[in-house]
């Protein structure tokens, strides 16, 4: 399992980074990104702490751990600058909290995330065809999520992304230990979203590509 959207106690997760990573390692993860919620109020505090924690753990790990950030409920106009700042602070994976069905995310957030070149647009809800095509053009990956509530639009996202050739990945959006999943369970979520069995390997491969691109980025 490669999981590029998780939360530690630096935002609203339950675990410190070392325990989150260790629990992922113990159930067979190959890679994990810690992407705590940030906006202009805390990005300069949270991202450096995650970077520091992972740097000190790295030599003791058997999995790839990457520092990241999830830009959350920020006004769309501020998202490009926040994506840029997150990368400057050391975030290797930048996620934007998309227009999920279950939270009052500002309209235009999906578009702003794509325009800004985020790595992953998380749980994008009933994303428009225009924005889907823009994501394809910009190489932004859309998320199929294991998280309850946000997963309500998985079927729509999967169907439309596959129809238009937009890249997908699967993440947990973990906040607690029980949110972490195996690759086998991730496969069931993808199948339950309407994705054909023959496409599963490509979706898992997409997460590897995101990591490769992240590690090449200066």
N, C-alpha and C. Protein backbone atom coordinates (compact mmCIF):
# COMPACT_ATOMS: atom_id res chain seq x y z
N UNK A 1 0.84 -1.19 0.00
CA UNK A 1 0.00 0.00 0.00
C UNK A 1 0.88 1.25 0.00
N UNK A 2 0.54 2.19 -0.84
CA UNK A 2 1.13 3.53 -0.83
C UNK A 2 0.01 4.50 -0.49
N UNK A 3 0.20 5.27 0.55
CA UNK A 3 -0.84 6.14 1.09
C UNK A 3 -0.28 7.56 1.19
N UNK A 4 -0.77 8.45 0.34
CA UNK A 4 -0.18 9.79 0.25
C UNK A 4 -1.08 10.86 0.84
N UNK A 5 -1.95 10.46 1.79
CA UNK A 5 -2.84 11.42 2.44
C UNK A 5 -3.17 10.90 3.84
N UNK A 6 -2.40 11.34 4.83
CA UNK A 6 -2.63 10.94 6.22
C UNK A 6 -2.39 12.14 7.14
N UNK A 7 -2.88 12.00 8.38
CA UNK A 7 -2.80 13.11 9.34
C UNK A 7 -2.23 12.64 10.68
N UNK A 8 -1.36 13.46 11.22
CA UNK A 8 -0.79 13.21 12.54
C UNK A 8 -1.39 14.21 13.54
N UNK A 9 -0.85 14.22 14.74
CA UNK A 9 -1.39 15.15 15.74
C UNK A 9 -0.96 16.58 15.50
N UNK A 10 -0.17 16.81 14.44
CA UNK A 10 0.15 18.19 14.08
C UNK A 10 -1.07 18.90 13.48
N UNK A 11 -2.11 18.13 13.13
CA UNK A 11 -3.41 18.76 12.83
C UNK A 11 -4.47 18.02 13.64
N UNK A 12 -5.33 17.24 12.98
CA UNK A 12 -6.41 16.59 13.72
C UNK A 12 -6.28 15.08 13.77
N UNK A 13 -5.10 14.55 13.50
CA UNK A 13 -4.86 13.13 13.66
C UNK A 13 -4.59 12.77 15.11
N UNK A 14 -4.59 11.47 15.40
CA UNK A 14 -4.44 11.02 16.78
C UNK A 14 -3.00 10.66 17.14
N UNK A 15 -2.15 10.42 16.15
CA UNK A 15 -0.84 9.84 16.41
C UNK A 15 0.30 10.82 16.12
N UNK A 16 1.39 10.66 16.86
CA UNK A 16 2.61 11.37 16.50
C UNK A 16 3.18 10.72 15.23
N UNK A 17 3.99 11.44 14.46
CA UNK A 17 4.48 10.89 13.20
C UNK A 17 5.16 9.53 13.31
N UNK A 18 5.97 9.34 14.34
CA UNK A 18 6.70 8.07 14.44
C UNK A 18 5.74 6.89 14.62
N UNK A 19 4.65 7.07 15.39
CA UNK A 19 3.72 5.97 15.55
C UNK A 19 2.88 5.76 14.29
N UNK A 20 2.47 6.84 13.66
CA UNK A 20 1.72 6.71 12.41
C UNK A 20 2.53 5.94 11.38
N UNK A 21 3.79 6.31 11.23
CA UNK A 21 4.64 5.63 10.25
C UNK A 21 4.87 4.18 10.65
N UNK A 22 5.11 3.93 11.92
CA UNK A 22 5.38 2.57 12.37
C UNK A 22 4.15 1.67 12.18
N UNK A 23 2.96 2.18 12.45
CA UNK A 23 1.76 1.38 12.25
C UNK A 23 1.55 1.07 10.76
N UNK A 24 1.84 2.02 9.91
CA UNK A 24 1.76 1.78 8.47
C UNK A 24 2.78 0.73 8.04
N UNK A 25 3.98 0.86 8.55
CA UNK A 25 5.06 -0.09 8.25
C UNK A 25 4.66 -1.50 8.67
N UNK A 26 4.03 -1.62 9.83
CA UNK A 26 3.69 -2.93 10.40
C UNK A 26 2.63 -3.67 9.60
N UNK A 27 1.76 -2.94 8.88
CA UNK A 27 0.73 -3.64 8.10
C UNK A 27 1.10 -3.74 6.62
N UNK A 28 2.37 -3.44 6.31
CA UNK A 28 2.86 -3.72 4.96
C UNK A 28 2.91 -2.56 4.01
N UNK A 29 2.77 -1.33 4.50
CA UNK A 29 2.88 -0.17 3.61
C UNK A 29 4.27 -0.14 2.97
N UNK A 30 4.31 0.35 1.74
CA UNK A 30 5.57 0.61 1.05
C UNK A 30 5.98 2.07 1.18
N UNK A 31 4.97 2.95 1.29
CA UNK A 31 5.26 4.38 1.41
C UNK A 31 4.07 5.08 2.06
N UNK A 32 4.38 6.20 2.73
CA UNK A 32 3.34 7.00 3.37
C UNK A 32 3.77 8.46 3.32
N UNK A 33 2.80 9.35 3.13
CA UNK A 33 3.04 10.78 3.26
C UNK A 33 2.20 11.30 4.41
N UNK A 34 2.79 12.15 5.24
CA UNK A 34 2.06 12.81 6.32
C UNK A 34 1.69 14.20 5.81
N UNK A 35 0.39 14.41 5.66
CA UNK A 35 -0.12 15.62 4.99
C UNK A 35 -1.12 16.32 5.90
N UNK A 36 -0.61 16.93 6.96
CA UNK A 36 -1.51 17.56 7.92
C UNK A 36 -2.19 18.80 7.33
N UNK A 37 -3.36 19.11 7.90
CA UNK A 37 -4.16 20.25 7.43
C UNK A 37 -3.41 21.56 7.68
N UNK A 38 -3.34 22.39 6.64
CA UNK A 38 -2.70 23.70 6.79
C UNK A 38 -3.49 24.75 6.03
N UNK A 39 -3.34 25.99 6.51
CA UNK A 39 -3.74 27.18 5.77
C UNK A 39 -2.71 28.24 6.11
N UNK A 40 -3.02 29.49 5.85
CA UNK A 40 -2.04 30.54 6.10
C UNK A 40 -1.68 30.69 7.57
N UNK A 41 -2.54 30.20 8.46
CA UNK A 41 -2.32 30.38 9.90
C UNK A 41 -1.25 29.48 10.48
N UNK A 42 -1.03 28.31 9.85
CA UNK A 42 -0.14 27.34 10.49
C UNK A 42 0.84 26.64 9.57
N UNK A 43 0.84 26.97 8.29
CA UNK A 43 1.68 26.24 7.35
C UNK A 43 3.15 26.33 7.72
N UNK A 44 3.59 27.48 8.23
CA UNK A 44 5.01 27.67 8.56
C UNK A 44 5.40 26.96 9.85
N UNK A 45 4.42 26.51 10.61
CA UNK A 45 4.68 25.76 11.83
C UNK A 45 4.61 24.25 11.59
N UNK A 46 3.59 23.82 10.86
CA UNK A 46 3.33 22.39 10.71
C UNK A 46 4.30 21.72 9.75
N UNK A 47 4.47 22.29 8.57
CA UNK A 47 5.29 21.59 7.57
C UNK A 47 6.73 21.38 8.06
N UNK A 48 7.40 22.39 8.61
CA UNK A 48 8.76 22.14 9.10
C UNK A 48 8.84 21.07 10.19
N UNK A 49 7.81 20.97 11.03
CA UNK A 49 7.82 19.94 12.08
C UNK A 49 7.72 18.53 11.47
N UNK A 50 6.90 18.39 10.45
CA UNK A 50 6.81 17.09 9.79
C UNK A 50 8.12 16.76 9.08
N UNK A 51 8.68 17.75 8.41
CA UNK A 51 9.98 17.55 7.74
C UNK A 51 11.03 17.10 8.76
N UNK A 52 11.08 17.76 9.89
CA UNK A 52 12.05 17.43 10.94
C UNK A 52 11.84 16.01 11.46
N UNK A 53 10.59 15.67 11.74
CA UNK A 53 10.29 14.34 12.29
C UNK A 53 10.71 13.24 11.33
N UNK A 54 10.39 13.40 10.07
CA UNK A 54 10.72 12.35 9.10
C UNK A 54 12.22 12.29 8.85
N UNK A 55 12.88 13.42 8.84
CA UNK A 55 14.34 13.42 8.65
C UNK A 55 15.03 12.62 9.76
N UNK A 56 14.56 12.76 10.98
CA UNK A 56 15.18 12.07 12.11
C UNK A 56 14.84 10.57 12.14
N UNK A 57 13.72 10.20 11.51
CA UNK A 57 13.30 8.79 11.49
C UNK A 57 13.84 8.01 10.31
N UNK A 58 14.18 8.70 9.23
CA UNK A 58 14.37 8.07 7.94
C UNK A 58 15.32 6.87 7.95
N UNK A 59 16.44 6.99 8.62
CA UNK A 59 17.44 5.91 8.57
C UNK A 59 16.98 4.64 9.29
N UNK A 60 15.92 4.74 10.07
CA UNK A 60 15.43 3.59 10.83
C UNK A 60 14.22 2.92 10.19
N UNK A 61 13.79 3.41 9.04
CA UNK A 61 12.55 2.94 8.43
C UNK A 61 12.80 1.94 7.30
N UNK A 62 11.83 1.05 7.14
CA UNK A 62 11.86 0.13 5.99
C UNK A 62 10.88 0.57 4.92
N UNK A 63 10.19 1.69 5.13
CA UNK A 63 9.28 2.23 4.13
C UNK A 63 9.69 3.66 3.78
N UNK A 64 9.21 4.13 2.64
CA UNK A 64 9.45 5.52 2.25
C UNK A 64 8.45 6.41 2.99
N UNK A 65 8.95 7.40 3.69
CA UNK A 65 8.09 8.36 4.38
C UNK A 65 8.38 9.74 3.84
N UNK A 66 7.31 10.46 3.48
CA UNK A 66 7.48 11.77 2.87
C UNK A 66 6.71 12.83 3.65
N UNK A 67 7.33 13.99 3.85
CA UNK A 67 6.60 15.10 4.46
C UNK A 67 5.68 15.75 3.44
N UNK A 68 4.52 16.18 3.90
CA UNK A 68 3.58 16.80 2.98
C UNK A 68 2.70 17.80 3.69
N UNK A 69 1.62 18.18 3.01
CA UNK A 69 0.66 19.13 3.56
C UNK A 69 -0.65 18.95 2.82
N UNK A 70 -1.76 19.15 3.54
CA UNK A 70 -3.07 19.22 2.89
C UNK A 70 -3.63 20.62 3.12
N UNK A 71 -3.69 21.40 2.06
CA UNK A 71 -4.26 22.74 2.13
C UNK A 71 -5.77 22.59 2.24
N UNK A 72 -6.33 23.13 3.31
CA UNK A 72 -7.69 22.79 3.71
C UNK A 72 -8.54 24.03 3.97
N UNK A 73 -9.66 24.12 3.27
CA UNK A 73 -10.64 25.21 3.45
C UNK A 73 -10.01 26.59 3.29
N UNK A 74 -8.94 26.68 2.54
CA UNK A 74 -8.36 27.99 2.24
C UNK A 74 -9.15 28.65 1.11
N UNK A 75 -9.31 29.95 1.12
CA UNK A 75 -9.95 30.61 -0.02
C UNK A 75 -9.24 30.24 -1.31
N UNK A 76 -9.98 29.93 -2.35
CA UNK A 76 -9.33 29.49 -3.59
C UNK A 76 -8.25 30.44 -4.10
N UNK A 77 -8.45 31.74 -3.89
CA UNK A 77 -7.47 32.71 -4.38
C UNK A 77 -6.11 32.56 -3.71
N UNK A 78 -6.07 31.98 -2.51
CA UNK A 78 -4.82 31.84 -1.77
C UNK A 78 -4.11 30.51 -2.03
N UNK A 79 -4.78 29.59 -2.69
CA UNK A 79 -4.23 28.25 -2.85
C UNK A 79 -2.92 28.22 -3.63
N UNK A 80 -2.77 28.96 -4.74
CA UNK A 80 -1.48 28.91 -5.44
C UNK A 80 -0.30 29.30 -4.56
N UNK A 81 -0.45 30.36 -3.78
CA UNK A 81 0.65 30.78 -2.90
C UNK A 81 0.90 29.76 -1.81
N UNK A 82 -0.15 29.12 -1.31
CA UNK A 82 0.03 28.12 -0.26
C UNK A 82 0.72 26.87 -0.79
N UNK A 83 0.38 26.46 -2.00
CA UNK A 83 1.07 25.32 -2.61
C UNK A 83 2.56 25.63 -2.75
N UNK A 84 2.85 26.82 -3.25
CA UNK A 84 4.25 27.22 -3.42
C UNK A 84 4.97 27.26 -2.08
N UNK A 85 4.33 27.82 -1.06
CA UNK A 85 4.97 27.92 0.26
C UNK A 85 5.19 26.54 0.86
N UNK A 86 4.21 25.65 0.72
CA UNK A 86 4.37 24.29 1.26
C UNK A 86 5.61 23.62 0.65
N UNK A 87 5.78 23.75 -0.64
CA UNK A 87 6.95 23.15 -1.29
C UNK A 87 8.24 23.80 -0.81
N UNK A 88 8.23 25.11 -0.67
CA UNK A 88 9.43 25.81 -0.20
C UNK A 88 9.82 25.38 1.22
N UNK A 89 8.81 25.04 2.03
CA UNK A 89 9.06 24.61 3.41
C UNK A 89 9.47 23.15 3.50
N UNK A 90 9.42 22.43 2.38
CA UNK A 90 9.90 21.06 2.38
C UNK A 90 8.86 19.99 2.15
N UNK A 91 7.62 20.36 1.89
CA UNK A 91 6.58 19.36 1.61
C UNK A 91 6.86 18.71 0.27
N UNK A 92 6.98 17.39 0.26
CA UNK A 92 7.20 16.65 -0.98
C UNK A 92 5.90 16.31 -1.67
N UNK A 93 4.83 16.14 -0.89
CA UNK A 93 3.50 15.83 -1.42
C UNK A 93 2.55 16.94 -0.98
N UNK A 94 1.96 17.63 -1.93
CA UNK A 94 0.99 18.67 -1.60
C UNK A 94 -0.39 18.22 -2.08
N UNK A 95 -1.28 18.10 -1.11
CA UNK A 95 -2.67 17.71 -1.35
C UNK A 95 -3.53 18.95 -1.12
N UNK A 96 -4.58 19.09 -1.90
CA UNK A 96 -5.58 20.12 -1.61
C UNK A 96 -6.90 19.43 -1.30
N UNK A 97 -7.53 19.88 -0.22
CA UNK A 97 -8.81 19.37 0.26
C UNK A 97 -9.90 19.83 -0.71
N UNK A 98 -10.36 18.90 -1.54
CA UNK A 98 -11.29 19.24 -2.59
C UNK A 98 -12.72 19.46 -2.12
N UNK A 99 -13.60 19.66 -3.10
CA UNK A 99 -14.98 20.05 -2.84
C UNK A 99 -15.87 18.85 -2.49
N UNK A 100 -15.50 18.19 -1.39
CA UNK A 100 -16.23 17.04 -0.88
C UNK A 100 -17.71 17.36 -0.68
N UNK A 101 -18.54 16.33 -0.77
CA UNK A 101 -19.98 16.51 -0.58
C UNK A 101 -20.35 16.82 0.86
N UNK A 102 -19.49 16.50 1.81
CA UNK A 102 -19.89 16.52 3.22
C UNK A 102 -19.32 17.70 4.01
N UNK A 103 -18.68 18.64 3.35
CA UNK A 103 -18.17 19.83 4.02
C UNK A 103 -18.41 21.04 3.12
N UNK A 104 -18.53 22.23 3.72
CA UNK A 104 -18.81 23.43 2.93
C UNK A 104 -17.55 24.05 2.32
N UNK A 105 -16.87 23.28 1.50
CA UNK A 105 -15.67 23.78 0.83
C UNK A 105 -16.08 24.83 -0.20
N UNK A 106 -15.31 25.89 -0.28
CA UNK A 106 -15.66 26.99 -1.18
C UNK A 106 -15.67 26.54 -2.64
N UNK A 107 -16.69 26.90 -3.40
CA UNK A 107 -16.66 26.63 -4.84
C UNK A 107 -15.44 27.28 -5.47
N UNK A 108 -14.86 26.58 -6.42
CA UNK A 108 -13.64 27.07 -7.06
C UNK A 108 -12.38 26.47 -6.48
N UNK A 109 -12.51 25.73 -5.37
CA UNK A 109 -11.33 25.12 -4.75
C UNK A 109 -10.72 24.06 -5.67
N UNK A 110 -11.55 23.22 -6.27
CA UNK A 110 -11.00 22.20 -7.18
C UNK A 110 -10.19 22.85 -8.28
N UNK A 111 -10.76 23.88 -8.89
CA UNK A 111 -10.09 24.57 -10.00
C UNK A 111 -8.78 25.19 -9.55
N UNK A 112 -8.79 25.84 -8.40
CA UNK A 112 -7.58 26.50 -7.89
C UNK A 112 -6.49 25.48 -7.60
N UNK A 113 -6.86 24.33 -7.06
CA UNK A 113 -5.87 23.28 -6.75
C UNK A 113 -5.20 22.79 -8.03
N UNK A 114 -5.99 22.61 -9.05
CA UNK A 114 -5.44 22.14 -10.32
C UNK A 114 -4.54 23.20 -10.94
N UNK A 115 -5.02 24.43 -10.95
CA UNK A 115 -4.25 25.55 -11.49
C UNK A 115 -2.90 25.67 -10.79
N UNK A 116 -2.91 25.44 -9.47
CA UNK A 116 -1.70 25.57 -8.66
C UNK A 116 -0.73 24.41 -8.84
N UNK A 117 -1.18 23.33 -9.47
CA UNK A 117 -0.31 22.18 -9.67
C UNK A 117 -0.09 21.34 -8.44
N UNK A 118 -1.13 21.23 -7.60
CA UNK A 118 -1.03 20.31 -6.46
C UNK A 118 -0.77 18.89 -6.97
N UNK A 119 -0.15 18.07 -6.14
CA UNK A 119 0.08 16.68 -6.54
C UNK A 119 -1.22 15.90 -6.60
N UNK A 120 -2.08 16.11 -5.60
CA UNK A 120 -3.31 15.33 -5.46
C UNK A 120 -4.45 16.28 -5.10
N UNK A 121 -5.57 16.13 -5.81
CA UNK A 121 -6.81 16.79 -5.42
C UNK A 121 -7.64 15.75 -4.69
N UNK A 122 -7.76 15.94 -3.38
CA UNK A 122 -8.43 14.95 -2.53
C UNK A 122 -9.94 15.08 -2.63
N UNK A 123 -10.61 13.95 -2.57
CA UNK A 123 -12.08 13.86 -2.53
C UNK A 123 -12.76 15.06 -3.19
N UNK A 124 -12.69 15.14 -4.52
CA UNK A 124 -13.14 16.35 -5.23
C UNK A 124 -14.63 16.45 -5.45
N UNK A 125 -15.42 15.54 -4.87
CA UNK A 125 -16.87 15.64 -4.98
C UNK A 125 -17.35 15.51 -6.41
N UNK A 126 -18.37 16.28 -6.76
CA UNK A 126 -18.95 16.21 -8.11
C UNK A 126 -18.20 17.17 -9.03
N UNK A 127 -16.92 16.90 -9.20
CA UNK A 127 -16.04 17.74 -10.00
C UNK A 127 -16.56 17.85 -11.43
N UNK A 128 -16.47 19.04 -12.00
CA UNK A 128 -17.02 19.29 -13.33
C UNK A 128 -16.15 18.66 -14.41
N UNK A 129 -16.77 18.43 -15.56
CA UNK A 129 -16.00 17.90 -16.70
C UNK A 129 -14.89 18.86 -17.09
N UNK A 130 -15.16 20.15 -17.04
CA UNK A 130 -14.13 21.14 -17.36
C UNK A 130 -12.92 20.99 -16.45
N UNK A 131 -13.17 20.83 -15.16
CA UNK A 131 -12.06 20.69 -14.22
C UNK A 131 -11.37 19.34 -14.36
N UNK A 132 -12.13 18.31 -14.69
CA UNK A 132 -11.52 17.01 -14.95
C UNK A 132 -10.54 17.09 -16.12
N UNK A 133 -10.94 17.74 -17.17
CA UNK A 133 -10.06 17.87 -18.34
C UNK A 133 -8.86 18.75 -18.02
N UNK A 134 -9.06 19.75 -17.17
CA UNK A 134 -7.95 20.61 -16.74
C UNK A 134 -6.96 19.82 -15.90
N UNK A 135 -7.47 18.95 -15.03
CA UNK A 135 -6.58 18.09 -14.23
C UNK A 135 -5.77 17.17 -15.13
N UNK A 136 -6.40 16.63 -16.15
CA UNK A 136 -5.68 15.79 -17.11
C UNK A 136 -4.56 16.57 -17.78
N UNK A 137 -4.88 17.79 -18.21
CA UNK A 137 -3.89 18.64 -18.87
C UNK A 137 -2.72 18.97 -17.95
N UNK A 138 -3.03 19.25 -16.69
CA UNK A 138 -2.00 19.69 -15.73
C UNK A 138 -1.29 18.53 -15.04
N UNK A 139 -1.76 17.30 -15.24
CA UNK A 139 -1.14 16.15 -14.60
C UNK A 139 -1.43 16.04 -13.12
N UNK A 140 -2.56 16.58 -12.68
CA UNK A 140 -2.97 16.49 -11.27
C UNK A 140 -3.76 15.21 -11.07
N UNK A 141 -3.43 14.45 -10.04
CA UNK A 141 -4.08 13.18 -9.75
C UNK A 141 -5.28 13.39 -8.84
N UNK A 142 -6.39 12.75 -9.17
CA UNK A 142 -7.59 12.81 -8.33
C UNK A 142 -7.62 11.61 -7.39
N UNK A 143 -8.18 11.82 -6.22
CA UNK A 143 -8.17 10.81 -5.17
C UNK A 143 -9.47 10.03 -5.08
N UNK A 144 -9.34 8.72 -5.03
CA UNK A 144 -10.39 7.84 -4.52
C UNK A 144 -10.04 7.62 -3.05
N UNK A 145 -10.99 7.85 -2.17
CA UNK A 145 -10.68 7.87 -0.75
C UNK A 145 -11.35 6.73 0.02
N UNK A 146 -10.65 6.26 1.03
CA UNK A 146 -11.21 5.26 1.94
C UNK A 146 -11.98 5.90 3.09
N UNK A 147 -11.96 7.22 3.18
CA UNK A 147 -12.55 7.88 4.34
C UNK A 147 -14.07 8.00 4.22
N UNK A 148 -14.75 7.60 5.29
CA UNK A 148 -16.21 7.69 5.30
C UNK A 148 -16.65 9.13 5.09
N UNK A 149 -17.77 9.30 4.44
CA UNK A 149 -18.25 10.64 4.14
C UNK A 149 -17.66 11.14 2.83
N UNK A 150 -16.37 11.38 2.84
CA UNK A 150 -15.71 11.83 1.61
C UNK A 150 -15.86 10.80 0.49
N UNK A 151 -16.00 9.54 0.85
CA UNK A 151 -16.07 8.47 -0.15
C UNK A 151 -17.41 8.43 -0.88
N UNK A 152 -18.38 9.24 -0.46
CA UNK A 152 -19.70 9.21 -1.09
C UNK A 152 -19.65 9.51 -2.58
N UNK A 153 -18.65 10.27 -3.01
CA UNK A 153 -18.56 10.62 -4.43
C UNK A 153 -17.53 9.78 -5.18
N UNK A 154 -17.00 8.72 -4.54
CA UNK A 154 -15.99 7.89 -5.21
C UNK A 154 -16.48 7.36 -6.55
N UNK A 155 -17.72 6.89 -6.59
CA UNK A 155 -18.24 6.29 -7.81
C UNK A 155 -18.26 7.30 -8.95
N UNK A 156 -18.72 8.50 -8.66
CA UNK A 156 -18.76 9.56 -9.68
C UNK A 156 -17.35 9.92 -10.14
N UNK A 157 -16.45 10.13 -9.19
CA UNK A 157 -15.08 10.51 -9.54
C UNK A 157 -14.43 9.43 -10.39
N UNK A 158 -14.59 8.18 -9.99
CA UNK A 158 -13.99 7.08 -10.74
C UNK A 158 -14.55 6.99 -12.15
N UNK A 159 -15.86 7.05 -12.26
CA UNK A 159 -16.50 6.92 -13.58
C UNK A 159 -16.07 8.02 -14.53
N UNK A 160 -16.12 9.26 -14.04
CA UNK A 160 -15.79 10.39 -14.91
C UNK A 160 -14.30 10.46 -15.22
N UNK A 161 -13.47 10.15 -14.24
CA UNK A 161 -12.03 10.17 -14.48
C UNK A 161 -11.62 9.10 -15.49
N UNK A 162 -12.19 7.92 -15.38
CA UNK A 162 -11.87 6.86 -16.33
C UNK A 162 -12.39 7.21 -17.73
N UNK A 163 -13.56 7.81 -17.80
CA UNK A 163 -14.12 8.19 -19.09
C UNK A 163 -13.24 9.19 -19.82
N UNK A 164 -12.63 10.11 -19.05
CA UNK A 164 -11.87 11.20 -19.65
C UNK A 164 -10.36 10.99 -19.60
N UNK A 165 -9.93 9.89 -18.99
CA UNK A 165 -8.51 9.59 -18.94
C UNK A 165 -7.73 10.41 -17.92
N UNK A 166 -8.37 10.72 -16.80
CA UNK A 166 -7.72 11.48 -15.73
C UNK A 166 -7.08 10.51 -14.74
N UNK A 167 -5.89 10.83 -14.30
CA UNK A 167 -5.15 9.94 -13.40
C UNK A 167 -5.79 9.88 -12.02
N UNK A 168 -5.89 8.67 -11.46
CA UNK A 168 -6.46 8.43 -10.14
C UNK A 168 -5.43 7.78 -9.22
N UNK A 169 -5.61 8.00 -7.90
CA UNK A 169 -4.88 7.24 -6.89
C UNK A 169 -5.86 6.92 -5.77
N UNK A 170 -5.44 6.08 -4.84
CA UNK A 170 -6.26 5.80 -3.66
C UNK A 170 -5.47 6.10 -2.41
N UNK A 171 -6.11 6.82 -1.47
CA UNK A 171 -5.52 7.17 -0.19
C UNK A 171 -6.54 6.94 0.92
N UNK A 172 -6.07 6.96 2.16
CA UNK A 172 -6.97 6.71 3.28
C UNK A 172 -7.49 7.97 3.95
N UNK A 173 -6.73 9.09 3.86
CA UNK A 173 -7.08 10.27 4.66
C UNK A 173 -7.15 9.88 6.13
N UNK A 174 -6.18 9.08 6.56
CA UNK A 174 -6.20 8.54 7.93
C UNK A 174 -6.07 9.64 8.98
N UNK A 175 -6.88 9.49 10.03
CA UNK A 175 -6.79 10.34 11.21
C UNK A 175 -6.54 9.51 12.47
N UNK A 176 -6.82 8.21 12.41
CA UNK A 176 -6.64 7.33 13.56
C UNK A 176 -6.03 6.01 13.08
N UNK A 177 -5.50 5.19 14.00
CA UNK A 177 -4.86 3.94 13.59
C UNK A 177 -5.77 3.03 12.78
N UNK A 178 -7.04 3.00 13.12
CA UNK A 178 -7.96 2.09 12.42
C UNK A 178 -8.25 2.52 10.99
N UNK A 179 -7.84 3.72 10.62
CA UNK A 179 -8.08 4.19 9.25
C UNK A 179 -7.08 3.61 8.25
N UNK A 180 -5.95 3.16 8.71
CA UNK A 180 -4.95 2.59 7.81
C UNK A 180 -5.47 1.28 7.23
N UNK A 181 -5.15 1.00 5.97
CA UNK A 181 -5.70 -0.18 5.30
C UNK A 181 -4.60 -0.92 4.55
N UNK A 182 -4.87 -2.16 4.24
CA UNK A 182 -3.96 -2.95 3.42
C UNK A 182 -4.22 -2.68 1.94
N UNK A 183 -3.29 -3.09 1.11
CA UNK A 183 -3.48 -2.95 -0.33
C UNK A 183 -4.67 -3.79 -0.79
N UNK A 184 -4.87 -4.92 -0.16
CA UNK A 184 -6.00 -5.78 -0.52
C UNK A 184 -7.33 -5.07 -0.27
N UNK A 185 -7.43 -4.37 0.86
CA UNK A 185 -8.67 -3.65 1.14
C UNK A 185 -8.81 -2.44 0.22
N UNK A 186 -7.69 -1.80 -0.09
CA UNK A 186 -7.73 -0.69 -1.04
C UNK A 186 -8.27 -1.16 -2.39
N UNK A 187 -7.89 -2.36 -2.79
CA UNK A 187 -8.39 -2.91 -4.05
C UNK A 187 -9.90 -3.08 -4.01
N UNK A 188 -10.42 -3.51 -2.87
CA UNK A 188 -11.87 -3.67 -2.73
C UNK A 188 -12.59 -2.32 -2.83
N UNK A 189 -11.99 -1.28 -2.26
CA UNK A 189 -12.59 0.05 -2.35
C UNK A 189 -12.62 0.52 -3.80
N UNK A 190 -11.55 0.28 -4.52
CA UNK A 190 -11.51 0.66 -5.93
C UNK A 190 -12.55 -0.10 -6.73
N UNK A 191 -12.66 -1.39 -6.49
CA UNK A 191 -13.67 -2.19 -7.18
C UNK A 191 -15.07 -1.69 -6.83
N UNK A 192 -15.28 -1.36 -5.56
CA UNK A 192 -16.57 -0.85 -5.11
C UNK A 192 -16.91 0.52 -5.69
N UNK A 193 -15.89 1.21 -6.15
CA UNK A 193 -16.10 2.51 -6.79
C UNK A 193 -16.44 2.38 -8.27
N UNK A 194 -16.43 1.13 -8.75
CA UNK A 194 -16.77 0.90 -10.15
C UNK A 194 -15.58 0.78 -11.07
N UNK A 195 -14.40 0.67 -10.51
CA UNK A 195 -13.18 0.55 -11.32
C UNK A 195 -12.95 -0.92 -11.65
N UNK A 196 -12.68 -1.20 -12.91
CA UNK A 196 -12.48 -2.58 -13.35
C UNK A 196 -11.20 -3.15 -12.78
N UNK A 197 -11.22 -4.45 -12.53
CA UNK A 197 -10.08 -5.14 -11.96
C UNK A 197 -8.81 -4.93 -12.78
N UNK A 198 -8.97 -4.84 -14.10
CA UNK A 198 -7.81 -4.69 -14.98
C UNK A 198 -7.14 -3.33 -14.83
N UNK A 199 -7.80 -2.38 -14.20
CA UNK A 199 -7.25 -1.03 -14.03
C UNK A 199 -6.57 -0.82 -12.68
N UNK A 200 -6.69 -1.77 -11.77
CA UNK A 200 -6.20 -1.55 -10.41
C UNK A 200 -4.69 -1.33 -10.36
N UNK A 201 -3.95 -2.15 -11.08
CA UNK A 201 -2.49 -2.02 -11.04
C UNK A 201 -2.05 -0.62 -11.48
N UNK A 202 -2.72 -0.07 -12.48
CA UNK A 202 -2.35 1.26 -12.95
C UNK A 202 -2.60 2.31 -11.89
N UNK A 203 -3.69 2.17 -11.14
CA UNK A 203 -3.97 3.15 -10.11
C UNK A 203 -2.92 3.09 -9.00
N UNK A 204 -2.52 1.90 -8.62
CA UNK A 204 -1.45 1.79 -7.62
C UNK A 204 -0.13 2.33 -8.19
N UNK A 205 0.09 2.11 -9.47
CA UNK A 205 1.31 2.61 -10.11
C UNK A 205 1.33 4.13 -10.12
N UNK A 206 0.16 4.74 -10.23
CA UNK A 206 0.09 6.21 -10.24
C UNK A 206 0.66 6.81 -8.96
N UNK A 207 0.46 6.13 -7.83
CA UNK A 207 1.01 6.62 -6.57
C UNK A 207 2.53 6.56 -6.59
N UNK A 208 3.09 5.53 -7.20
CA UNK A 208 4.54 5.44 -7.33
C UNK A 208 5.08 6.58 -8.18
N UNK A 209 4.36 6.93 -9.23
CA UNK A 209 4.78 8.02 -10.10
C UNK A 209 4.78 9.35 -9.35
N UNK A 210 3.75 9.56 -8.52
CA UNK A 210 3.71 10.79 -7.72
C UNK A 210 4.94 10.88 -6.84
N UNK A 211 5.31 9.79 -6.20
CA UNK A 211 6.50 9.78 -5.34
C UNK A 211 7.76 10.05 -6.13
N UNK A 212 7.90 9.39 -7.27
CA UNK A 212 9.08 9.60 -8.11
C UNK A 212 9.22 11.05 -8.51
N UNK A 213 8.10 11.66 -8.90
CA UNK A 213 8.13 13.07 -9.28
C UNK A 213 8.47 13.95 -8.09
N UNK A 214 7.93 13.60 -6.93
CA UNK A 214 8.17 14.39 -5.72
C UNK A 214 9.65 14.36 -5.33
N UNK A 215 10.25 13.19 -5.44
CA UNK A 215 11.65 13.06 -5.03
C UNK A 215 12.61 13.70 -6.02
N UNK A 216 12.16 13.88 -7.27
CA UNK A 216 12.98 14.56 -8.26
C UNK A 216 12.89 16.08 -8.13
N UNK A 217 11.79 16.53 -7.50
CA UNK A 217 11.55 17.98 -7.42
C UNK A 217 12.53 18.62 -6.46
N UNK A 218 13.15 19.68 -6.89
CA UNK A 218 14.11 20.39 -6.03
C UNK A 218 13.37 21.37 -5.12
